């Protein structure tokens, strides 16, 4: 039976919280860094999900988000490339709905059941824009989840599912809207969320002859904490013992990624034989019944939701957040020439080197090298290399310099020379760093980030960062 084979999640390092000067909300929420977006977070979740799994055996990648960096260009192809998957796979973007993640999950299950694919990686990530000081700002959080769907090695079998669509204009964002909008709250809740999600759940449980008592855990979408508790009572689940925590006060509502992230959190604590209900809402509703298998114990070594929630850094001031989101127009530290428009032809030509972070390894002396060479820097052998991936290798800091006048939203630029475990050296930028804790020999890992955006072209590359944990 088709189901979930592995899971992974990603919550950004940074938070807005009580220690943040100028942040007036009583809650803490996760915010993406200045060089992150929904695509880079999907890559992080996907890599966490694929730990110990043969990436060449993955036959497809789906990307679900209402905040894709592009309106017209597949983001899933970039995510698949950065995750180092094959080119001859199925890629698809699912968008324009808070149900995009669960719709993508259903499509992946259908593809596996039909035999058109053996394994599909479903990634979903969100970075929803909220107007400063609005009712949505303390509610929305940023994050991502990834679920590998297959019919072998399954950790959670999907027994059955039910879905329906119903048009309603409740929470929305138009093409020219910079922020999420909402209709009157009573209408949004009573005619939308509180009516449609229970309809999907009750229909599915009636179909299977099940009651709330048959489930160990209920995982479902909610716009905020109060409605989450209200929905638990409406569905007949015990909030304390059966309902998956919503993390509203420590992470926030991550939109299309929210229900999949809560499912990852539930799987982190699940035991074999338990039954899980997954329900999602948005212009209709989706409901799934999953049964956890003994294989679950083999999948608990990944970075999940709780790992990322425990690893955090609260911003010192709210102004930094506004600057990162480019909602505050501040003069740069120094006048610099404008950033160049990324060359589409160069980006295409150097795809393996820049997006996959592939270098070469000399067949003669075994030295890994980056960027891709024709002549070995050690033994001088010519054109005798094999492909070599650096993205999954650990590293240590060899040396670094700080540029306080560089073109960045988070000064200073930390320009680093790093040595990879197993050999190889790279010049790159360091992100998610505390400048007071940088020192030679610092353990590092690689992370896929956005360098800059010019004329609508998103220029992505790999940076190093201190090992998170």
Protein backbone atom coordinates (compact mmCIF):
# COMPACT_ATOMS: atom_id res chain seq x y z
CA UNK A 1 0.00 0.00 0.00
CA UNK A 2 1.26 3.49 -0.87
CA UNK A 3 2.17 5.85 1.90
CA UNK A 4 4.91 7.95 3.43
CA UNK A 5 8.42 6.50 3.42
CA UNK A 6 10.32 9.39 5.03
CA UNK A 7 9.75 12.90 6.31
CA UNK A 8 11.76 16.05 6.90
CA UNK A 9 11.04 19.58 8.04
CA UNK A 10 12.65 22.97 8.22
CA UNK A 11 12.01 25.95 10.49
CA UNK A 12 14.26 28.99 10.00
CA UNK A 13 16.77 29.83 12.70
CA UNK A 14 15.40 33.30 13.43
CA UNK A 15 12.41 34.36 15.56
CA UNK A 16 10.49 37.44 16.49
CA UNK A 17 9.80 37.17 20.21
CA UNK A 18 9.60 38.88 23.58
CA UNK A 19 13.28 39.86 23.46
CA UNK A 20 12.80 41.61 20.10
CA UNK A 21 12.75 45.37 20.62
CA UNK A 22 9.72 46.86 18.88
CA UNK A 23 7.84 43.54 18.58
CA UNK A 24 4.56 44.10 20.44
CA UNK A 25 2.93 40.67 20.05
CA UNK A 26 2.87 38.25 22.96
CA UNK A 27 3.83 35.30 20.76
CA UNK A 28 7.04 34.09 19.15
CA UNK A 29 7.13 33.26 15.46
CA UNK A 30 9.63 31.83 12.99
CA UNK A 31 10.88 34.12 10.24
CA UNK A 32 12.96 33.27 7.20
CA UNK A 33 16.37 34.88 7.00
CA UNK A 34 17.16 37.71 4.57
CA UNK A 35 18.55 35.19 2.05
CA UNK A 36 15.75 32.61 2.36
CA UNK A 37 12.47 32.12 0.54
CA UNK A 38 9.96 29.32 0.07
CA UNK A 39 12.18 27.62 -2.50
CA UNK A 40 15.31 27.51 -0.33
CA UNK A 41 13.28 26.28 2.66
CA UNK A 42 11.79 23.51 0.50
CA UNK A 43 15.32 22.45 -0.45
CA UNK A 44 16.33 22.31 3.22
CA UNK A 45 13.29 20.19 4.14
CA UNK A 46 13.84 17.95 1.11
CA UNK A 47 17.48 17.30 2.00
CA UNK A 48 16.48 16.49 5.59
CA UNK A 49 13.87 14.05 4.27
CA UNK A 50 16.31 12.30 1.91
CA UNK A 51 18.95 11.52 4.54
CA UNK A 52 20.28 8.03 3.89
CA UNK A 53 18.06 7.56 0.81
CA UNK A 54 19.31 6.98 -2.73
CA UNK A 55 18.39 10.20 -4.51
CA UNK A 56 18.74 8.55 -7.90
CA UNK A 57 15.75 6.35 -7.01
CA UNK A 58 13.40 9.34 -6.64
CA UNK A 59 11.13 9.64 -9.69
CA UNK A 60 9.46 12.99 -9.04
CA UNK A 61 9.38 16.15 -6.99
CA UNK A 62 6.34 18.29 -6.22
CA UNK A 63 6.62 21.80 -4.79
CA UNK A 64 3.59 23.29 -3.03
CA UNK A 65 3.39 26.93 -1.93
CA UNK A 66 1.33 30.08 -2.27
CA UNK A 67 4.57 32.10 -2.18
CA UNK A 68 6.66 30.67 -4.99
CA UNK A 69 9.48 33.04 -5.97
CA UNK A 70 8.22 32.93 -9.55
CA UNK A 71 4.79 33.52 -11.05
CA UNK A 72 5.82 32.03 -14.38
CA UNK A 73 8.65 29.51 -14.00
CA UNK A 74 8.67 26.16 -12.28
CA UNK A 75 10.19 26.28 -8.82
CA UNK A 76 10.05 22.48 -8.49
CA UNK A 77 12.79 22.07 -11.12
CA UNK A 78 15.15 24.26 -9.08
CA UNK A 79 14.27 22.41 -5.87
CA UNK A 80 14.87 19.07 -7.60
CA UNK A 81 18.23 20.23 -8.97
CA UNK A 82 19.40 21.58 -5.60
CA UNK A 83 18.34 18.27 -4.00
CA UNK A 84 20.55 16.56 -6.60
CA UNK A 85 17.79 14.46 -8.18
CA UNK A 86 17.83 13.02 -11.70
CA UNK A 87 16.68 15.13 -14.64
CA UNK A 88 14.34 12.49 -16.08
CA UNK A 89 11.76 12.88 -13.30
CA UNK A 90 8.30 14.36 -12.96
CA UNK A 91 8.27 17.88 -11.49
CA UNK A 92 5.19 19.97 -10.75
CA UNK A 93 4.24 23.11 -8.84
CA UNK A 94 1.06 23.25 -6.74
CA UNK A 95 -0.03 26.73 -5.74
CA UNK A 96 -2.84 29.25 -5.10
CA UNK A 97 -4.31 27.30 -2.20
CA UNK A 98 -3.65 26.65 1.48
CA UNK A 99 -4.44 23.05 0.53
CA UNK A 100 -1.59 22.96 -1.99
CA UNK A 101 0.50 20.69 0.25
CA UNK A 102 -2.20 18.07 0.81
CA UNK A 103 -3.30 18.26 -2.85
CA UNK A 104 0.31 17.55 -3.86
CA UNK A 105 0.42 14.65 -1.38
CA UNK A 106 -2.73 13.17 -2.89
CA UNK A 107 -1.33 13.56 -6.42
CA UNK A 108 1.87 11.80 -5.38
CA UNK A 109 -0.09 8.94 -3.83
CA UNK A 110 -2.14 8.56 -7.02
CA UNK A 111 1.03 8.53 -9.15
CA UNK A 112 2.63 5.82 -7.00
CA UNK A 113 -0.55 3.73 -6.90
CA UNK A 114 -0.89 3.93 -10.69
CA UNK A 115 2.69 2.79 -11.20
CA UNK A 116 3.79 5.91 -13.08
CA UNK A 117 6.37 6.60 -10.34
CA UNK A 118 7.98 4.60 -7.57
CA UNK A 119 8.95 7.46 -5.27
CA UNK A 120 7.89 11.11 -5.27
CA UNK A 121 9.23 13.77 -2.94
CA UNK A 122 6.51 16.22 -1.91
CA UNK A 123 7.94 19.51 -0.65
CA UNK A 124 5.86 22.36 0.69
CA UNK A 125 7.10 25.70 2.02
CA UNK A 126 5.63 29.05 2.88
CA UNK A 127 6.63 32.64 3.57
CA UNK A 128 3.29 34.47 3.54
CA UNK A 129 3.41 38.29 3.51
CA UNK A 130 1.62 40.05 6.36
CA UNK A 131 1.23 43.80 6.64
CA UNK A 132 3.24 45.20 9.58
CA UNK A 133 1.10 45.61 12.73
CA UNK A 134 -1.80 43.78 11.09
CA UNK A 135 -3.81 40.96 12.68
CA UNK A 136 -1.92 38.48 10.47
CA UNK A 137 1.61 39.53 11.36
CA UNK A 138 1.83 37.71 14.73
CA UNK A 139 -0.03 34.70 13.27
CA UNK A 140 1.98 33.90 10.13
CA UNK A 141 5.23 31.94 10.44
CA UNK A 142 7.70 30.58 7.90
CA UNK A 143 8.67 26.96 7.40
CA UNK A 144 8.71 23.88 5.20
CA UNK A 145 8.03 20.15 5.18
CA UNK A 146 8.91 17.26 2.89
CA UNK A 147 7.28 13.83 2.58
CA UNK A 148 8.65 10.98 0.47
CA UNK A 149 5.80 8.93 -0.99
CA UNK A 150 6.34 5.33 -2.09
CA UNK A 151 4.84 1.84 -1.89
CA UNK A 152 7.85 0.21 -0.22
CA UNK A 153 9.53 0.84 3.11
CA UNK A 154 6.41 2.73 4.15
CA UNK A 155 6.38 4.23 7.66
CA UNK A 156 2.77 5.46 7.46
CA UNK A 157 0.30 3.75 5.13
CA UNK A 158 -2.55 5.85 3.73
CA UNK A 159 -5.65 3.72 4.34
CA UNK A 160 -8.06 6.06 2.62
CA UNK A 161 -8.74 9.70 1.85
CA UNK A 162 -11.54 12.07 0.97
CA UNK A 163 -11.51 15.46 -0.70
CA UNK A 164 -13.97 18.05 -1.92
CA UNK A 165 -13.76 21.59 -3.29
CA UNK A 166 -16.07 24.50 -2.54
CA UNK A 167 -15.59 28.03 -3.78
CA UNK A 168 -15.42 30.68 -1.07
CA UNK A 169 -13.58 33.99 -0.89
CA UNK A 170 -12.37 33.99 2.69
CA UNK A 171 -8.59 34.47 2.92
CA UNK A 172 -6.98 35.53 -0.33
CA UNK A 173 -4.26 37.53 -2.06
CA UNK A 174 -4.75 39.05 -5.49
CA UNK A 175 -2.10 39.29 -8.18
CA UNK A 176 -1.21 42.88 -7.23
CA UNK A 177 -1.78 42.53 -3.46
CA UNK A 178 1.43 42.81 -1.41
CA UNK A 179 -0.25 41.24 1.64
CA UNK A 180 -2.81 38.56 2.50
CA UNK A 181 -6.40 39.82 2.77
CA UNK A 182 -9.45 38.40 4.56
CA UNK A 183 -13.22 38.81 4.49
CA UNK A 184 -15.22 39.41 7.69
CA UNK A 185 -14.10 36.98 10.38
CA UNK A 186 -17.47 35.44 11.28
CA UNK A 187 -18.17 34.59 7.64
CA UNK A 188 -14.65 33.23 7.10
CA UNK A 189 -14.85 30.94 10.12
CA UNK A 190 -18.49 29.83 10.22
CA UNK A 191 -19.06 29.33 6.49
CA UNK A 192 -15.53 28.28 5.67
CA UNK A 193 -13.22 26.64 8.17
CA UNK A 194 -15.65 25.38 10.85
CA UNK A 195 -18.05 24.01 8.25
CA UNK A 196 -15.84 22.55 5.54
CA UNK A 197 -13.06 20.79 7.44
CA UNK A 198 -15.48 18.84 9.73
CA UNK A 199 -17.46 17.83 6.65
CA UNK A 200 -14.41 16.15 5.10
CA UNK A 201 -13.42 14.43 8.35
CA UNK A 202 -16.91 13.16 9.21
CA UNK A 203 -17.48 11.88 5.66
CA UNK A 204 -14.21 9.94 5.67
CA UNK A 205 -14.74 8.47 9.15
CA UNK A 206 -18.30 7.43 8.25
CA UNK A 207 -17.00 5.79 5.09
CA UNK A 208 -14.51 3.74 7.12
CA UNK A 209 -16.81 3.17 10.11
CA UNK A 210 -14.41 4.93 12.49
CA UNK A 211 -14.84 7.30 15.43
CA UNK A 212 -12.41 9.78 17.05
CA UNK A 213 -11.54 7.12 19.63
CA UNK A 214 -9.95 5.01 16.86
CA UNK A 215 -7.18 7.58 16.35
CA UNK A 216 -4.04 8.10 18.40
CA UNK A 217 -3.38 11.51 16.87
CA UNK A 218 -5.36 14.15 14.96
CA UNK A 219 -3.42 16.52 12.74
CA UNK A 220 -5.36 19.36 11.18
CA UNK A 221 -5.02 22.88 9.84
CA UNK A 222 -6.22 25.89 11.82
CA UNK A 223 -5.81 29.61 11.17
CA UNK A 224 -4.75 30.28 14.78
CA UNK A 225 -4.72 28.73 18.25
CA UNK A 226 -8.25 29.58 19.32
CA UNK A 227 -9.76 28.02 16.20
CA UNK A 228 -7.49 24.99 16.59
CA UNK A 229 -8.98 24.30 20.03
CA UNK A 230 -12.49 24.96 18.74
CA UNK A 231 -11.99 22.52 15.87
CA UNK A 232 -10.68 19.81 18.23
CA UNK A 233 -13.93 20.00 20.21
CA UNK A 234 -16.03 20.07 17.04
CA UNK A 235 -14.35 16.92 15.72
CA UNK A 236 -14.67 15.12 19.05
CA UNK A 237 -10.95 14.75 19.84
CA UNK A 238 -9.38 15.18 23.25
CA UNK A 239 -7.16 18.23 22.87
CA UNK A 240 -4.67 17.12 25.52
CA UNK A 241 -4.17 13.49 24.50
CA UNK A 242 -5.12 13.20 20.82
CA UNK A 243 -4.49 16.52 19.05
CA UNK A 244 -1.10 17.36 17.58
CA UNK A 245 0.25 20.61 19.04
CA UNK A 246 -0.10 23.56 16.64
CA UNK A 247 3.02 25.53 17.69
CA UNK A 248 1.12 28.79 17.23
CA UNK A 249 3.05 30.58 19.97
CA UNK A 250 6.51 29.39 18.96
CA UNK A 251 6.38 29.04 15.15
CA UNK A 252 3.17 30.45 13.69
CA UNK A 253 0.83 29.33 10.94
CA UNK A 254 2.95 28.30 7.96
CA UNK A 255 0.13 28.32 5.41
CA UNK A 256 0.25 25.55 2.84
CA UNK A 257 3.12 23.95 4.76
CA UNK A 258 1.32 24.00 8.11
CA UNK A 259 -0.62 20.71 8.04
CA UNK A 260 2.33 18.78 6.47
CA UNK A 261 4.66 20.21 9.14
CA UNK A 262 2.28 19.13 11.91
CA UNK A 263 2.18 15.68 10.32
CA UNK A 264 5.99 15.54 10.44
CA UNK A 265 5.84 16.52 14.13
CA UNK A 266 3.29 13.76 14.77
CA UNK A 267 5.43 11.17 12.98
CA UNK A 268 8.40 12.14 15.15
CA UNK A 269 6.46 10.84 18.17
CA UNK A 270 4.43 8.06 16.51
CA UNK A 271 4.60 4.36 17.31
CA UNK A 272 3.80 1.34 15.17
CA UNK A 273 0.10 0.50 14.95
CA UNK A 274 -1.15 4.02 15.70
CA UNK A 275 -3.74 5.59 13.42
CA UNK A 276 -3.34 9.28 12.45
CA UNK A 277 -5.94 11.61 11.00
CA UNK A 278 -4.64 14.34 8.67
CA UNK A 279 -7.05 17.10 7.60
CA UNK A 280 -6.40 20.28 5.64
CA UNK A 281 -8.55 23.25 4.65
CA UNK A 282 -8.74 25.81 1.83
CA UNK A 283 -11.62 26.22 -0.67
CA UNK A 284 -12.75 22.78 0.36
CA UNK A 285 -10.96 20.21 2.48
CA UNK A 286 -8.80 17.08 2.36
CA UNK A 287 -8.78 14.26 4.89
CA UNK A 288 -6.46 11.24 5.12
CA UNK A 289 -6.28 8.20 7.40
CA UNK A 290 -2.75 6.93 8.03
CA UNK A 291 -1.57 3.86 9.92
CA UNK A 292 1.96 3.86 11.32
CA UNK A 293 4.08 0.79 10.55
CA UNK A 294 7.12 -0.70 12.37
CA UNK A 295 9.31 0.99 9.73
CA UNK A 296 8.77 4.26 11.60
CA UNK A 297 11.77 3.57 13.84
CA UNK A 298 14.10 3.72 10.82
CA UNK A 299 13.00 7.26 9.95
CA UNK A 300 13.45 9.08 13.25
CA UNK A 301 17.04 10.17 12.67
CA UNK A 302 16.07 13.14 10.50
CA UNK A 303 15.85 16.79 11.38
CA UNK A 304 12.21 17.31 12.17
CA UNK A 305 10.06 20.11 13.51
CA UNK A 306 11.12 19.82 17.15
CA UNK A 307 14.81 19.87 16.27
CA UNK A 308 14.39 23.18 14.45
CA UNK A 309 12.14 24.69 17.10
CA UNK A 310 14.78 23.96 19.75
CA UNK A 311 17.47 25.61 17.62
CA UNK A 312 16.70 29.33 17.32
CA UNK A 313 17.95 32.88 17.59
CA UNK A 314 15.60 35.73 18.54
CA UNK A 315 16.21 38.97 16.62
CA UNK A 316 17.33 41.92 18.70
CA UNK A 317 15.02 44.42 17.03
CA UNK A 318 11.95 44.54 14.83
CA UNK A 319 13.67 46.94 12.43
CA UNK A 320 15.98 44.14 11.29
CA UNK A 321 12.96 42.07 10.27
CA UNK A 322 11.47 45.01 8.34
CA UNK A 323 14.80 45.53 6.58
CA UNK A 324 15.05 41.86 5.66
CA UNK A 325 11.55 41.97 4.15
CA UNK A 326 12.46 45.22 2.37
CA UNK A 327 9.56 46.93 4.14
CA UNK A 328 11.90 49.62 5.48
CA UNK A 329 13.89 51.73 3.04
CA UNK A 330 17.28 52.34 4.64
CA UNK A 331 20.31 53.86 2.99
CA UNK A 332 23.10 51.31 2.36
CA UNK A 333 26.29 51.47 4.39
CA UNK A 334 28.25 52.57 1.32
CA UNK A 335 27.58 53.48 -2.27
CA UNK A 336 28.23 50.53 -4.52
CA UNK A 337 27.51 49.85 -8.19
CA UNK A 338 24.11 48.19 -8.71
CA UNK A 339 24.08 44.40 -8.63
CA UNK A 340 24.41 42.89 -12.10
CA UNK A 341 21.54 41.08 -13.78
CA UNK A 342 22.25 37.34 -13.42
CA UNK A 343 23.13 35.80 -16.77
CA UNK A 344 20.52 33.19 -17.70
CA UNK A 345 22.95 31.53 -20.11
CA UNK A 346 25.72 31.36 -17.48
CA UNK A 347 23.28 30.02 -14.88
CA UNK A 348 22.22 27.30 -17.33
CA UNK A 349 25.80 26.45 -18.28
CA UNK A 350 26.94 26.13 -14.66
CA UNK A 351 23.84 24.42 -13.26
CA UNK A 352 25.66 21.40 -11.82
CA UNK A 353 28.41 23.53 -10.30
CA UNK A 354 26.23 26.26 -8.76
CA UNK A 355 22.87 24.65 -7.99
CA UNK A 356 23.89 21.03 -7.30
CA UNK A 357 27.27 22.15 -5.85
CA UNK A 358 29.10 19.54 -7.85
CA UNK A 359 32.85 19.63 -8.28
CA UNK A 360 35.24 16.93 -9.41
CA UNK A 361 37.50 14.31 -7.84
CA UNK A 362 40.78 13.40 -9.49
CA UNK A 363 40.87 9.73 -10.45
CA UNK A 364 44.66 9.75 -10.28
CA UNK A 365 45.34 11.21 -6.80
CA UNK A 366 41.80 11.25 -5.31
CA UNK A 367 41.70 14.99 -4.53
CA UNK A 368 38.22 16.62 -4.53
CA UNK A 369 38.22 20.06 -6.20
CA UNK A 370 35.84 22.95 -6.72
CA UNK A 371 35.04 24.59 -9.07
CA UNK A 372 35.07 22.01 -11.86
CA UNK A 373 38.60 21.70 -13.29
CA UNK A 374 40.31 20.21 -16.32
CA UNK A 375 43.76 20.00 -14.70
CA UNK A 376 44.25 18.59 -11.18
CA UNK A 377 45.64 21.22 -8.81
CA UNK A 378 47.72 18.58 -6.99
CA UNK A 379 49.07 16.02 -9.46
CA UNK A 380 48.49 18.04 -12.67
CA UNK A 381 46.69 15.15 -14.38
CA UNK A 382 44.49 16.45 -17.20
CA UNK A 383 40.86 15.50 -17.92
CA UNK A 384 40.78 12.51 -15.57
CA UNK A 385 38.03 13.36 -13.07
CA UNK A 386 34.81 11.93 -11.70
CA UNK A 387 31.77 13.91 -10.57
CA UNK A 388 31.78 14.84 -6.88
CA UNK A 389 29.06 16.40 -4.69
CA UNK A 390 30.02 18.87 -1.96
CA UNK A 391 26.50 19.82 -0.81
CA UNK A 392 26.19 16.97 1.68
CA UNK A 393 29.74 17.26 3.07
CA UNK A 394 30.62 18.82 6.40
CA UNK A 395 33.34 21.46 6.53
CA UNK A 396 35.48 23.58 8.83
CA UNK A 397 36.35 27.26 8.61
CA UNK A 398 39.90 27.82 7.33
CA UNK A 399 39.86 31.63 7.31
CA UNK A 400 37.42 34.51 6.88
CA UNK A 401 36.98 38.26 6.45
CA UNK A 402 34.14 40.60 7.44
CA UNK A 403 32.92 43.32 5.07
CA UNK A 404 30.74 45.89 6.85
CA UNK A 405 30.20 47.90 3.66
CA UNK A 406 29.18 45.03 1.41
CA UNK A 407 25.80 44.86 -0.37
CA UNK A 408 23.78 42.82 2.12
CA UNK A 409 20.63 43.21 4.20
CA UNK A 410 22.45 41.62 7.12
CA UNK A 411 25.89 43.22 7.52
CA UNK A 412 28.63 42.28 7.76
CA UNK A 413 29.27 39.97 4.85
CA UNK A 414 31.31 37.06 6.18
CA UNK A 415 33.48 35.88 3.30
CA UNK A 416 34.76 32.42 4.19
CA UNK A 417 37.33 29.94 2.95
CA UNK A 418 36.24 26.48 4.08
CA UNK A 419 37.82 23.03 3.97
CA UNK A 420 35.45 20.13 3.31
CA UNK A 421 35.60 16.87 5.21
CA UNK A 422 37.32 14.44 2.86
CA UNK A 423 39.09 17.19 0.93
CA UNK A 424 38.29 20.21 -1.18
CA UNK A 425 38.27 23.94 -0.49
CA UNK A 426 35.63 26.58 -1.29
CA UNK A 427 35.30 30.36 -1.10
CA UNK A 428 31.73 31.25 -0.09
CA UNK A 429 29.61 33.47 2.15
CA UNK A 430 28.58 32.46 5.67
CA UNK A 431 24.96 32.84 6.78
CA UNK A 432 22.95 32.31 10.00
CA UNK A 433 26.08 33.21 11.93
CA UNK A 434 26.78 34.96 15.20
CA UNK A 435 29.81 37.11 14.46
CA UNK A 436 30.93 36.88 18.09
CA UNK A 437 31.22 33.10 17.78
CA UNK A 438 33.14 32.83 14.51
CA UNK A 439 36.59 31.32 14.82
CA UNK A 440 39.02 29.27 12.76
CA UNK A 441 38.11 25.59 12.77
CA UNK A 442 34.39 26.29 13.28
CA UNK A 443 32.35 23.22 12.14
CA UNK A 444 30.11 24.12 9.18
CA UNK A 445 27.48 22.69 6.89
CA UNK A 446 26.20 23.84 3.50
CA UNK A 447 22.83 25.50 2.91
CA UNK A 448 21.10 26.55 -0.32
CA UNK A 449 20.30 30.28 -0.27
CA UNK A 450 19.34 33.25 -2.42
CA UNK A 451 22.14 35.67 -3.27
CA UNK A 452 20.02 38.46 -4.72
CA UNK A 453 17.15 39.23 -7.10
CA UNK A 454 17.54 41.57 -10.07
CA UNK A 455 14.92 42.12 -12.79
CA UNK A 456 12.90 39.20 -11.45
CA UNK A 457 15.75 36.67 -11.73
CA UNK A 458 16.49 34.88 -8.47
CA UNK A 459 20.18 34.12 -8.19
CA UNK A 460 20.67 31.07 -5.93
CA UNK A 461 23.89 29.56 -4.62
CA UNK A 462 25.25 27.64 -1.64
CA UNK A 463 26.50 29.25 1.56
CA UNK A 464 28.10 27.77 4.63
CA UNK A 465 26.62 28.09 8.11
CA UNK A 466 27.53 26.91 11.62
CA UNK A 467 26.17 23.42 12.25
CA UNK A 468 22.70 23.78 13.67
CA UNK A 469 21.72 21.94 16.79
